[in-house]
Amino acid sequence: MSESLRTAITGMQNHLRLTPAAAQAQFRSQSELRDGFRSDVTLRQHHLIVDEPPQLGGGDAGPNPVELILAALGACQEITYKAYATALGIDLKRVSVELTGEIDLRGFFGVDAKVRAGYQAIRGRVQLESSASPAELARLKQLVDSHCPVLDMLSTPVPVTLELALD
């Protein structure tokens, strides 16, 4: 599987070098609030439930939005490590990510206008199992951190426009 993955990755890199217009992509999400704080979300053909824990007024039917940010970052790091290790021929037996986000709920609940509503900090640890040298893994980390889409979105402001539509 590793060789077919490497072929797919290098093939895509070559295709995008030759045809930059093919690199443009869109991802879509559709969600609707159903009961309390529960949202039913559709991403392509995948469905998930997003909810708040009971202490925040929810029914705990699924992870909450800020937990999904951590999941998105962890999974994106893992995928990006695997993709770059594969493309570079670096042996990567296992990659896992553990993240902790620190949030001050006074921002979300409007208790203190000076406190931001989102995370104040996210810290984590990437665990690799590899026979590669420390220098190769340091280079891999640099490549991953500079090409991980979710890390980029969290580290650099992304223009967001939300319009209000009334039924």
N, C-alpha and C. Protein backbone atom coordinates (compact mmCIF):
# COMPACT_ATOMS: atom_id res chain seq x y z
N MET A 1 0.82 -1.20 0.00
CA MET A 1 0.00 0.00 0.00
C MET A 1 0.86 1.26 0.00
N SER A 2 1.98 1.22 0.68
CA SER A 2 2.83 2.40 0.78
C SER A 2 3.32 2.86 -0.59
N GLU A 3 3.67 1.90 -1.46
CA GLU A 3 4.14 2.28 -2.79
C GLU A 3 3.02 2.87 -3.62
N SER A 4 1.80 2.32 -3.51
CA SER A 4 0.68 2.89 -4.26
C SER A 4 0.31 4.27 -3.72
N LEU A 5 0.45 4.47 -2.42
CA LEU A 5 0.21 5.78 -1.83
C LEU A 5 1.27 6.76 -2.32
N ARG A 6 2.51 6.33 -2.35
CA ARG A 6 3.59 7.20 -2.85
C ARG A 6 3.35 7.57 -4.31
N THR A 7 2.93 6.61 -5.12
CA THR A 7 2.63 6.87 -6.53
C THR A 7 1.49 7.88 -6.65
N ALA A 8 0.47 7.71 -5.83
CA ALA A 8 -0.68 8.64 -5.88
C ALA A 8 -0.25 10.05 -5.48
N ILE A 9 0.55 10.16 -4.44
CA ILE A 9 0.97 11.49 -3.96
C ILE A 9 1.88 12.16 -4.98
N THR A 10 2.90 11.46 -5.44
CA THR A 10 3.82 12.08 -6.41
C THR A 10 3.10 12.36 -7.72
N GLY A 11 2.17 11.49 -8.12
CA GLY A 11 1.38 11.74 -9.32
C GLY A 11 0.56 13.01 -9.19
N MET A 12 -0.08 13.20 -8.03
CA MET A 12 -0.87 14.41 -7.80
C MET A 12 0.04 15.64 -7.78
N GLN A 13 1.19 15.56 -7.14
CA GLN A 13 2.12 16.69 -7.13
C GLN A 13 2.51 17.07 -8.55
N ASN A 14 2.85 16.09 -9.37
CA ASN A 14 3.24 16.37 -10.75
C ASN A 14 2.09 16.96 -11.55
N HIS A 15 0.90 16.42 -11.37
CA HIS A 15 -0.29 16.93 -12.06
C HIS A 15 -0.54 18.39 -11.69
N LEU A 16 -0.42 18.73 -10.41
CA LEU A 16 -0.69 20.10 -9.97
C LEU A 16 0.40 21.08 -10.42
N ARG A 17 1.63 20.59 -10.56
CA ARG A 17 2.70 21.44 -11.11
C ARG A 17 2.40 21.80 -12.56
N LEU A 18 1.91 20.83 -13.32
CA LEU A 18 1.63 21.03 -14.74
C LEU A 18 0.30 21.74 -14.99
N THR A 19 -0.65 21.57 -14.08
CA THR A 19 -1.99 22.12 -14.26
C THR A 19 -2.44 22.83 -12.98
N PRO A 20 -1.91 24.02 -12.70
CA PRO A 20 -2.25 24.72 -11.45
C PRO A 20 -3.75 24.95 -11.25
N ALA A 21 -4.50 25.12 -12.33
CA ALA A 21 -5.94 25.36 -12.19
C ALA A 21 -6.64 24.15 -11.56
N ALA A 22 -6.09 22.97 -11.72
CA ALA A 22 -6.69 21.76 -11.15
C ALA A 22 -6.56 21.72 -9.63
N ALA A 23 -5.75 22.60 -9.07
CA ALA A 23 -5.53 22.61 -7.62
C ALA A 23 -6.66 23.29 -6.85
N GLN A 24 -7.53 23.99 -7.55
CA GLN A 24 -8.62 24.70 -6.87
C GLN A 24 -9.70 23.71 -6.44
N ALA A 25 -10.03 23.75 -5.16
CA ALA A 25 -11.03 22.82 -4.62
C ALA A 25 -11.95 23.56 -3.66
N GLN A 26 -13.12 23.02 -3.46
CA GLN A 26 -14.06 23.54 -2.47
C GLN A 26 -14.55 22.38 -1.62
N PHE A 27 -14.70 22.64 -0.35
CA PHE A 27 -15.30 21.68 0.56
C PHE A 27 -16.54 22.35 1.14
N ARG A 28 -17.56 21.58 1.39
CA ARG A 28 -18.82 22.14 1.86
C ARG A 28 -19.30 21.41 3.12
N SER A 29 -19.98 22.18 3.93
CA SER A 29 -20.61 21.65 5.13
C SER A 29 -22.04 22.18 5.17
N GLN A 30 -22.97 21.34 5.59
CA GLN A 30 -24.34 21.77 5.80
C GLN A 30 -24.74 21.28 7.18
N SER A 31 -25.32 22.16 7.97
CA SER A 31 -25.73 21.75 9.31
C SER A 31 -27.05 22.42 9.67
N GLU A 32 -27.76 21.79 10.61
CA GLU A 32 -29.01 22.36 11.08
C GLU A 32 -29.19 22.02 12.56
N LEU A 33 -29.52 23.04 13.34
CA LEU A 33 -29.79 22.86 14.76
C LEU A 33 -31.11 22.12 14.91
N ARG A 34 -31.12 21.02 15.66
CA ARG A 34 -32.31 20.17 15.78
C ARG A 34 -32.98 20.29 17.15
N ASP A 35 -32.25 20.06 18.21
CA ASP A 35 -32.85 20.01 19.54
C ASP A 35 -31.82 20.52 20.54
N GLY A 36 -32.19 21.51 21.34
CA GLY A 36 -31.24 22.08 22.28
C GLY A 36 -30.06 22.65 21.51
N PHE A 37 -28.86 22.15 21.79
CA PHE A 37 -27.65 22.58 21.09
C PHE A 37 -27.17 21.53 20.09
N ARG A 38 -27.98 20.53 19.78
CA ARG A 38 -27.58 19.47 18.86
C ARG A 38 -27.70 19.95 17.41
N SER A 39 -26.63 19.79 16.65
CA SER A 39 -26.64 20.07 15.21
C SER A 39 -26.38 18.79 14.46
N ASP A 40 -27.14 18.58 13.39
CA ASP A 40 -26.88 17.48 12.47
C ASP A 40 -26.09 18.05 11.31
N VAL A 41 -24.95 17.46 11.05
CA VAL A 41 -24.00 17.99 10.07
C VAL A 41 -23.81 16.98 8.94
N THR A 42 -23.75 17.50 7.71
CA THR A 42 -23.46 16.67 6.55
C THR A 42 -22.22 17.24 5.86
N LEU A 43 -21.26 16.35 5.63
CA LEU A 43 -20.02 16.67 4.93
C LEU A 43 -19.86 15.60 3.85
N ARG A 44 -20.04 15.98 2.60
CA ARG A 44 -20.14 15.03 1.49
C ARG A 44 -21.21 14.00 1.84
N GLN A 45 -20.88 12.71 1.86
CA GLN A 45 -21.88 11.68 2.21
C GLN A 45 -21.80 11.29 3.68
N HIS A 46 -21.03 12.02 4.46
CA HIS A 46 -20.83 11.70 5.88
C HIS A 46 -21.74 12.55 6.76
N HIS A 47 -22.25 11.93 7.81
CA HIS A 47 -23.14 12.63 8.73
C HIS A 47 -22.57 12.51 10.15
N LEU A 48 -22.65 13.59 10.89
CA LEU A 48 -22.23 13.54 12.28
C LEU A 48 -23.10 14.45 13.12
N ILE A 49 -23.10 14.18 14.39
CA ILE A 49 -23.86 14.96 15.35
C ILE A 49 -22.86 15.79 16.15
N VAL A 50 -23.18 17.06 16.28
CA VAL A 50 -22.38 17.97 17.09
C VAL A 50 -23.28 18.45 18.21
N ASP A 51 -22.78 18.44 19.43
CA ASP A 51 -23.59 18.82 20.59
C ASP A 51 -22.66 19.31 21.69
N GLU A 52 -23.21 19.98 22.63
CA GLU A 52 -22.45 20.44 23.79
C GLU A 52 -22.60 19.44 24.94
N PRO A 53 -21.63 19.40 25.83
CA PRO A 53 -21.79 18.54 27.01
C PRO A 53 -22.86 19.13 27.94
N PRO A 54 -23.39 18.31 28.84
CA PRO A 54 -24.45 18.78 29.74
C PRO A 54 -24.08 20.04 30.54
N GLN A 55 -22.84 20.14 30.97
CA GLN A 55 -22.47 21.30 31.77
C GLN A 55 -22.50 22.61 30.97
N LEU A 56 -22.57 22.50 29.63
CA LEU A 56 -22.71 23.68 28.78
C LEU A 56 -24.10 23.76 28.15
N GLY A 57 -25.04 22.97 28.68
CA GLY A 57 -26.43 23.05 28.26
C GLY A 57 -26.84 22.09 27.16
N GLY A 58 -25.95 21.19 26.77
CA GLY A 58 -26.27 20.26 25.69
C GLY A 58 -26.68 18.89 26.18
N GLY A 59 -26.90 18.01 25.22
CA GLY A 59 -27.29 16.64 25.53
C GLY A 59 -26.17 15.64 25.35
N ASP A 60 -24.98 16.10 24.98
CA ASP A 60 -23.78 15.27 24.83
C ASP A 60 -23.96 14.16 23.78
N ALA A 61 -24.70 14.47 22.70
CA ALA A 61 -24.92 13.48 21.64
C ALA A 61 -23.73 13.37 20.69
N GLY A 62 -22.75 14.24 20.84
CA GLY A 62 -21.57 14.22 19.99
C GLY A 62 -20.56 15.24 20.50
N PRO A 63 -19.40 15.31 19.84
CA PRO A 63 -18.41 16.31 20.24
C PRO A 63 -18.93 17.71 19.96
N ASN A 64 -18.38 18.69 20.68
CA ASN A 64 -18.79 20.07 20.42
C ASN A 64 -17.87 20.70 19.36
N PRO A 65 -18.24 21.86 18.84
CA PRO A 65 -17.46 22.45 17.75
C PRO A 65 -15.98 22.69 18.08
N VAL A 66 -15.68 23.13 19.29
CA VAL A 66 -14.27 23.39 19.60
C VAL A 66 -13.48 22.09 19.73
N GLU A 67 -14.14 21.00 20.12
CA GLU A 67 -13.47 19.70 20.12
C GLU A 67 -13.20 19.24 18.69
N LEU A 68 -14.12 19.53 17.78
CA LEU A 68 -13.92 19.16 16.38
C LEU A 68 -12.73 19.90 15.77
N ILE A 69 -12.47 21.12 16.23
CA ILE A 69 -11.27 21.85 15.77
C ILE A 69 -10.02 21.06 16.16
N LEU A 70 -9.98 20.56 17.40
CA LEU A 70 -8.82 19.77 17.83
C LEU A 70 -8.72 18.49 17.00
N ALA A 71 -9.86 17.83 16.77
CA ALA A 71 -9.85 16.61 15.96
C ALA A 71 -9.38 16.90 14.55
N ALA A 72 -9.83 18.00 13.97
CA ALA A 72 -9.42 18.37 12.61
C ALA A 72 -7.92 18.63 12.55
N LEU A 73 -7.39 19.33 13.54
CA LEU A 73 -5.95 19.61 13.55
C LEU A 73 -5.15 18.32 13.73
N GLY A 74 -5.55 17.48 14.66
CA GLY A 74 -4.82 16.23 14.89
C GLY A 74 -4.83 15.33 13.68
N ALA A 75 -6.00 15.13 13.09
CA ALA A 75 -6.10 14.27 11.91
C ALA A 75 -5.34 14.86 10.72
N CYS A 76 -5.40 16.18 10.56
CA CYS A 76 -4.70 16.81 9.44
C CYS A 76 -3.19 16.67 9.62
N GLN A 77 -2.69 16.81 10.83
CA GLN A 77 -1.27 16.60 11.09
C GLN A 77 -0.88 15.16 10.73
N GLU A 78 -1.67 14.20 11.18
CA GLU A 78 -1.36 12.79 10.90
C GLU A 78 -1.34 12.51 9.40
N ILE A 79 -2.34 13.00 8.69
CA ILE A 79 -2.42 12.80 7.24
C ILE A 79 -1.24 13.46 6.54
N THR A 80 -0.91 14.68 6.96
CA THR A 80 0.18 15.41 6.32
C THR A 80 1.52 14.74 6.61
N TYR A 81 1.71 14.24 7.84
CA TYR A 81 2.93 13.47 8.15
C TYR A 81 3.03 12.26 7.23
N LYS A 82 1.95 11.52 7.11
CA LYS A 82 1.96 10.31 6.28
C LYS A 82 2.23 10.65 4.82
N ALA A 83 1.57 11.69 4.31
CA ALA A 83 1.75 12.08 2.91
C ALA A 83 3.19 12.49 2.63
N TYR A 84 3.75 13.35 3.45
CA TYR A 84 5.12 13.83 3.19
C TYR A 84 6.16 12.74 3.46
N ALA A 85 5.95 11.94 4.48
CA ALA A 85 6.88 10.83 4.74
C ALA A 85 6.87 9.87 3.55
N THR A 86 5.69 9.58 3.05
CA THR A 86 5.56 8.67 1.91
C THR A 86 6.23 9.26 0.68
N ALA A 87 5.96 10.52 0.38
CA ALA A 87 6.54 11.17 -0.80
C ALA A 87 8.06 11.24 -0.72
N LEU A 88 8.58 11.42 0.50
CA LEU A 88 10.03 11.55 0.69
C LEU A 88 10.72 10.21 0.90
N GLY A 89 9.95 9.13 1.00
CA GLY A 89 10.54 7.82 1.24
C GLY A 89 11.02 7.62 2.66
N ILE A 90 10.42 8.35 3.60
CA ILE A 90 10.76 8.22 5.02
C ILE A 90 9.88 7.16 5.64
N ASP A 91 10.49 6.19 6.30
CA ASP A 91 9.75 5.14 6.99
C ASP A 91 8.95 5.75 8.14
N LEU A 92 7.64 5.58 8.11
CA LEU A 92 6.78 6.08 9.18
C LEU A 92 5.81 4.96 9.54
N LYS A 93 6.12 4.27 10.62
CA LYS A 93 5.30 3.14 11.04
C LYS A 93 4.01 3.58 11.72
N ARG A 94 4.10 4.70 12.48
CA ARG A 94 2.93 5.16 13.25
C ARG A 94 3.06 6.65 13.50
N VAL A 95 1.93 7.33 13.45
CA VAL A 95 1.87 8.74 13.84
C VAL A 95 0.57 8.95 14.61
N SER A 96 0.66 9.63 15.74
CA SER A 96 -0.52 9.97 16.52
C SER A 96 -0.33 11.37 17.10
N VAL A 97 -1.44 12.02 17.37
CA VAL A 97 -1.40 13.39 17.87
C VAL A 97 -2.32 13.51 19.07
N GLU A 98 -1.83 14.16 20.11
CA GLU A 98 -2.64 14.46 21.28
C GLU A 98 -2.64 15.98 21.45
N LEU A 99 -3.83 16.57 21.55
CA LEU A 99 -3.96 18.02 21.63
C LEU A 99 -4.81 18.44 22.82
N THR A 100 -4.49 19.59 23.37
CA THR A 100 -5.28 20.19 24.43
C THR A 100 -5.53 21.64 24.06
N GLY A 101 -6.79 22.02 24.06
CA GLY A 101 -7.15 23.41 23.80
C GLY A 101 -7.62 24.05 25.09
N GLU A 102 -7.13 25.24 25.35
CA GLU A 102 -7.53 25.96 26.56
C GLU A 102 -8.45 27.10 26.17
N ILE A 103 -9.63 27.11 26.78
CA ILE A 103 -10.63 28.11 26.45
C ILE A 103 -11.18 28.71 27.74
N ASP A 104 -11.44 29.99 27.72
CA ASP A 104 -12.05 30.70 28.84
C ASP A 104 -13.51 30.94 28.45
N LEU A 105 -14.41 30.23 29.08
CA LEU A 105 -15.83 30.27 28.70
C LEU A 105 -16.49 31.63 28.94
N ARG A 106 -15.81 32.53 29.63
CA ARG A 106 -16.37 33.88 29.81
C ARG A 106 -16.53 34.57 28.46
N GLY A 107 -15.67 34.24 27.48
CA GLY A 107 -15.78 34.84 26.15
C GLY A 107 -17.03 34.38 25.43
N PHE A 108 -17.27 33.07 25.40
CA PHE A 108 -18.45 32.53 24.72
C PHE A 108 -19.75 33.01 25.36
N PHE A 109 -19.78 33.02 26.69
CA PHE A 109 -21.01 33.39 27.39
C PHE A 109 -21.18 34.90 27.57
N GLY A 110 -20.27 35.71 27.01
CA GLY A 110 -20.41 37.16 27.06
C GLY A 110 -20.25 37.75 28.44
N VAL A 111 -19.50 37.08 29.30
CA VAL A 111 -19.30 37.55 30.66
C VAL A 111 -18.22 38.63 30.74
N ASP A 112 -17.21 38.53 29.87
CA ASP A 112 -16.11 39.49 29.87
C ASP A 112 -15.73 39.80 28.43
N ALA A 113 -15.97 41.02 28.00
CA ALA A 113 -15.72 41.43 26.61
C ALA A 113 -14.24 41.38 26.24
N LYS A 114 -13.35 41.35 27.22
CA LYS A 114 -11.91 41.31 26.94
C LYS A 114 -11.41 39.89 26.66
N VAL A 115 -12.25 38.89 26.91
CA VAL A 115 -11.86 37.50 26.74
C VAL A 115 -12.36 37.01 25.39
N ARG A 116 -11.46 36.47 24.58
CA ARG A 116 -11.87 35.97 23.27
C ARG A 116 -12.77 34.75 23.43
N ALA A 117 -13.63 34.53 22.46
CA ALA A 117 -14.60 33.44 22.54
C ALA A 117 -13.97 32.08 22.24
N GLY A 118 -12.89 32.06 21.50
CA GLY A 118 -12.25 30.81 21.11
C GLY A 118 -11.09 30.43 22.01
N TYR A 119 -10.33 29.45 21.53
CA TYR A 119 -9.18 28.98 22.30
C TYR A 119 -8.18 30.10 22.57
N GLN A 120 -7.64 30.11 23.78
CA GLN A 120 -6.53 31.00 24.10
C GLN A 120 -5.21 30.36 23.67
N ALA A 121 -5.17 29.03 23.69
CA ALA A 121 -3.96 28.31 23.29
C ALA A 121 -4.33 26.87 22.96
N ILE A 122 -3.56 26.30 22.03
CA ILE A 122 -3.65 24.88 21.72
C ILE A 122 -2.24 24.33 21.83
N ARG A 123 -2.10 23.28 22.61
CA ARG A 123 -0.79 22.62 22.76
C ARG A 123 -0.95 21.15 22.40
N GLY A 124 0.11 20.59 21.88
CA GLY A 124 0.00 19.19 21.53
C GLY A 124 1.33 18.48 21.42
N ARG A 125 1.20 17.20 21.15
CA ARG A 125 2.37 16.34 21.01
C ARG A 125 2.11 15.39 19.84
N VAL A 126 3.06 15.35 18.92
CA VAL A 126 3.01 14.43 17.80
C VAL A 126 3.96 13.29 18.13
N GLN A 127 3.44 12.09 18.13
CA GLN A 127 4.24 10.90 18.44
C GLN A 127 4.49 10.14 17.14
N LEU A 128 5.76 9.95 16.81
CA LEU A 128 6.13 9.22 15.60
C LEU A 128 6.86 7.94 15.97
N GLU A 129 6.62 6.91 15.18
CA GLU A 129 7.42 5.69 15.24
C GLU A 129 8.04 5.54 13.86
N SER A 130 9.38 5.64 13.83
CA SER A 130 10.07 5.64 12.54
C SER A 130 11.52 5.22 12.75
N SER A 131 12.09 4.63 11.71
CA SER A 131 13.52 4.30 11.74
C SER A 131 14.35 5.42 11.14
N ALA A 132 13.73 6.53 10.74
CA ALA A 132 14.44 7.66 10.15
C ALA A 132 15.32 8.36 11.20
N SER A 133 16.31 9.07 10.73
CA SER A 133 17.21 9.79 11.62
C SER A 133 16.50 11.00 12.23
N PRO A 134 17.00 11.49 13.36
CA PRO A 134 16.41 12.70 13.95
C PRO A 134 16.43 13.89 12.97
N ALA A 135 17.46 14.00 12.16
CA ALA A 135 17.53 15.09 11.18
C ALA A 135 16.43 14.94 10.12
N GLU A 136 16.20 13.72 9.65
CA GLU A 136 15.13 13.49 8.66
C GLU A 136 13.76 13.81 9.26
N LEU A 137 13.56 13.43 10.52
CA LEU A 137 12.27 13.68 11.16
C LEU A 137 12.07 15.17 11.47
N ALA A 138 13.14 15.87 11.78
CA ALA A 138 13.06 17.32 11.98
C ALA A 138 12.67 18.01 10.68
N ARG A 139 13.25 17.57 9.57
CA ARG A 139 12.89 18.12 8.25
C ARG A 139 11.44 17.78 7.93
N LEU A 140 11.02 16.56 8.24
CA LEU A 140 9.63 16.16 8.01
C LEU A 140 8.69 17.05 8.82
N LYS A 141 9.01 17.30 10.08
CA LYS A 141 8.18 18.17 10.93
C LYS A 141 8.07 19.56 10.33
N GLN A 142 9.18 20.09 9.85
CA GLN A 142 9.16 21.43 9.24
C GLN A 142 8.25 21.45 8.01
N LEU A 143 8.33 20.42 7.19
CA LEU A 143 7.47 20.34 6.00
C LEU A 143 6.00 20.21 6.38
N VAL A 144 5.73 19.37 7.36
CA VAL A 144 4.35 19.16 7.80
C VAL A 144 3.78 20.46 8.36
N ASP A 145 4.52 21.10 9.24
CA ASP A 145 4.01 22.32 9.87
C ASP A 145 3.82 23.46 8.87
N SER A 146 4.56 23.44 7.77
CA SER A 146 4.40 24.50 6.78
C SER A 146 3.37 24.14 5.70
N HIS A 147 2.88 22.89 5.68
CA HIS A 147 1.93 22.48 4.65
C HIS A 147 0.62 21.88 5.18
N CYS A 148 0.46 21.79 6.47
CA CYS A 148 -0.77 21.25 7.06
C CYS A 148 -1.88 22.30 6.94
N PRO A 149 -2.93 22.03 6.15
CA PRO A 149 -3.97 23.03 5.93
C PRO A 149 -4.67 23.52 7.21
N VAL A 150 -4.99 22.62 8.12
CA VAL A 150 -5.70 23.04 9.33
C VAL A 150 -4.79 23.87 10.23
N LEU A 151 -3.53 23.49 10.35
CA LEU A 151 -2.59 24.31 11.13
C LEU A 151 -2.47 25.69 10.52
N ASP A 152 -2.41 25.76 9.19
CA ASP A 152 -2.36 27.05 8.50
C ASP A 152 -3.59 27.89 8.82
N MET A 153 -4.79 27.27 8.76
CA MET A 153 -6.02 28.02 9.03
C MET A 153 -6.11 28.51 10.46
N LEU A 154 -5.57 27.73 11.39
CA LEU A 154 -5.61 28.14 12.79
C LEU A 154 -4.54 29.17 13.12
N SER A 155 -3.44 29.16 12.37
CA SER A 155 -2.32 30.05 12.66
C SER A 155 -2.42 31.39 11.95
N THR A 156 -3.14 31.45 10.85
CA THR A 156 -3.24 32.66 10.04
C THR A 156 -4.72 32.96 9.82
N PRO A 157 -5.13 34.19 10.05
CA PRO A 157 -6.56 34.50 9.85
C PRO A 157 -7.03 34.17 8.43
N VAL A 158 -8.21 33.59 8.35
CA VAL A 158 -8.84 33.24 7.07
C VAL A 158 -10.04 34.17 6.91
N PRO A 159 -10.18 34.85 5.77
CA PRO A 159 -11.37 35.68 5.58
C PRO A 159 -12.63 34.82 5.63
N VAL A 160 -13.57 35.20 6.45
CA VAL A 160 -14.83 34.47 6.59
C VAL A 160 -15.97 35.47 6.39
N THR A 161 -16.91 35.13 5.55
CA THR A 161 -18.09 35.96 5.32
C THR A 161 -19.32 35.12 5.60
N LEU A 162 -20.16 35.56 6.51
CA LEU A 162 -21.40 34.86 6.83
C LEU A 162 -22.55 35.84 6.62
N GLU A 163 -23.42 35.52 5.69
CA GLU A 163 -24.58 36.39 5.47
C GLU A 163 -25.78 35.81 6.19
N LEU A 164 -26.69 36.68 6.57
CA LEU A 164 -27.90 36.25 7.26
C LEU A 164 -29.01 36.12 6.22
N ALA A 165 -29.63 34.94 6.15
CA ALA A 165 -30.74 34.70 5.24
C ALA A 165 -31.97 34.39 6.09
N LEU A 166 -33.06 35.09 5.84
CA LEU A 166 -34.28 34.91 6.63
C LEU A 166 -35.32 34.19 5.79
N ASP A 167 -36.00 33.21 6.38
CA ASP A 167 -37.08 32.49 5.69
C ASP A 167 -38.37 33.28 5.76
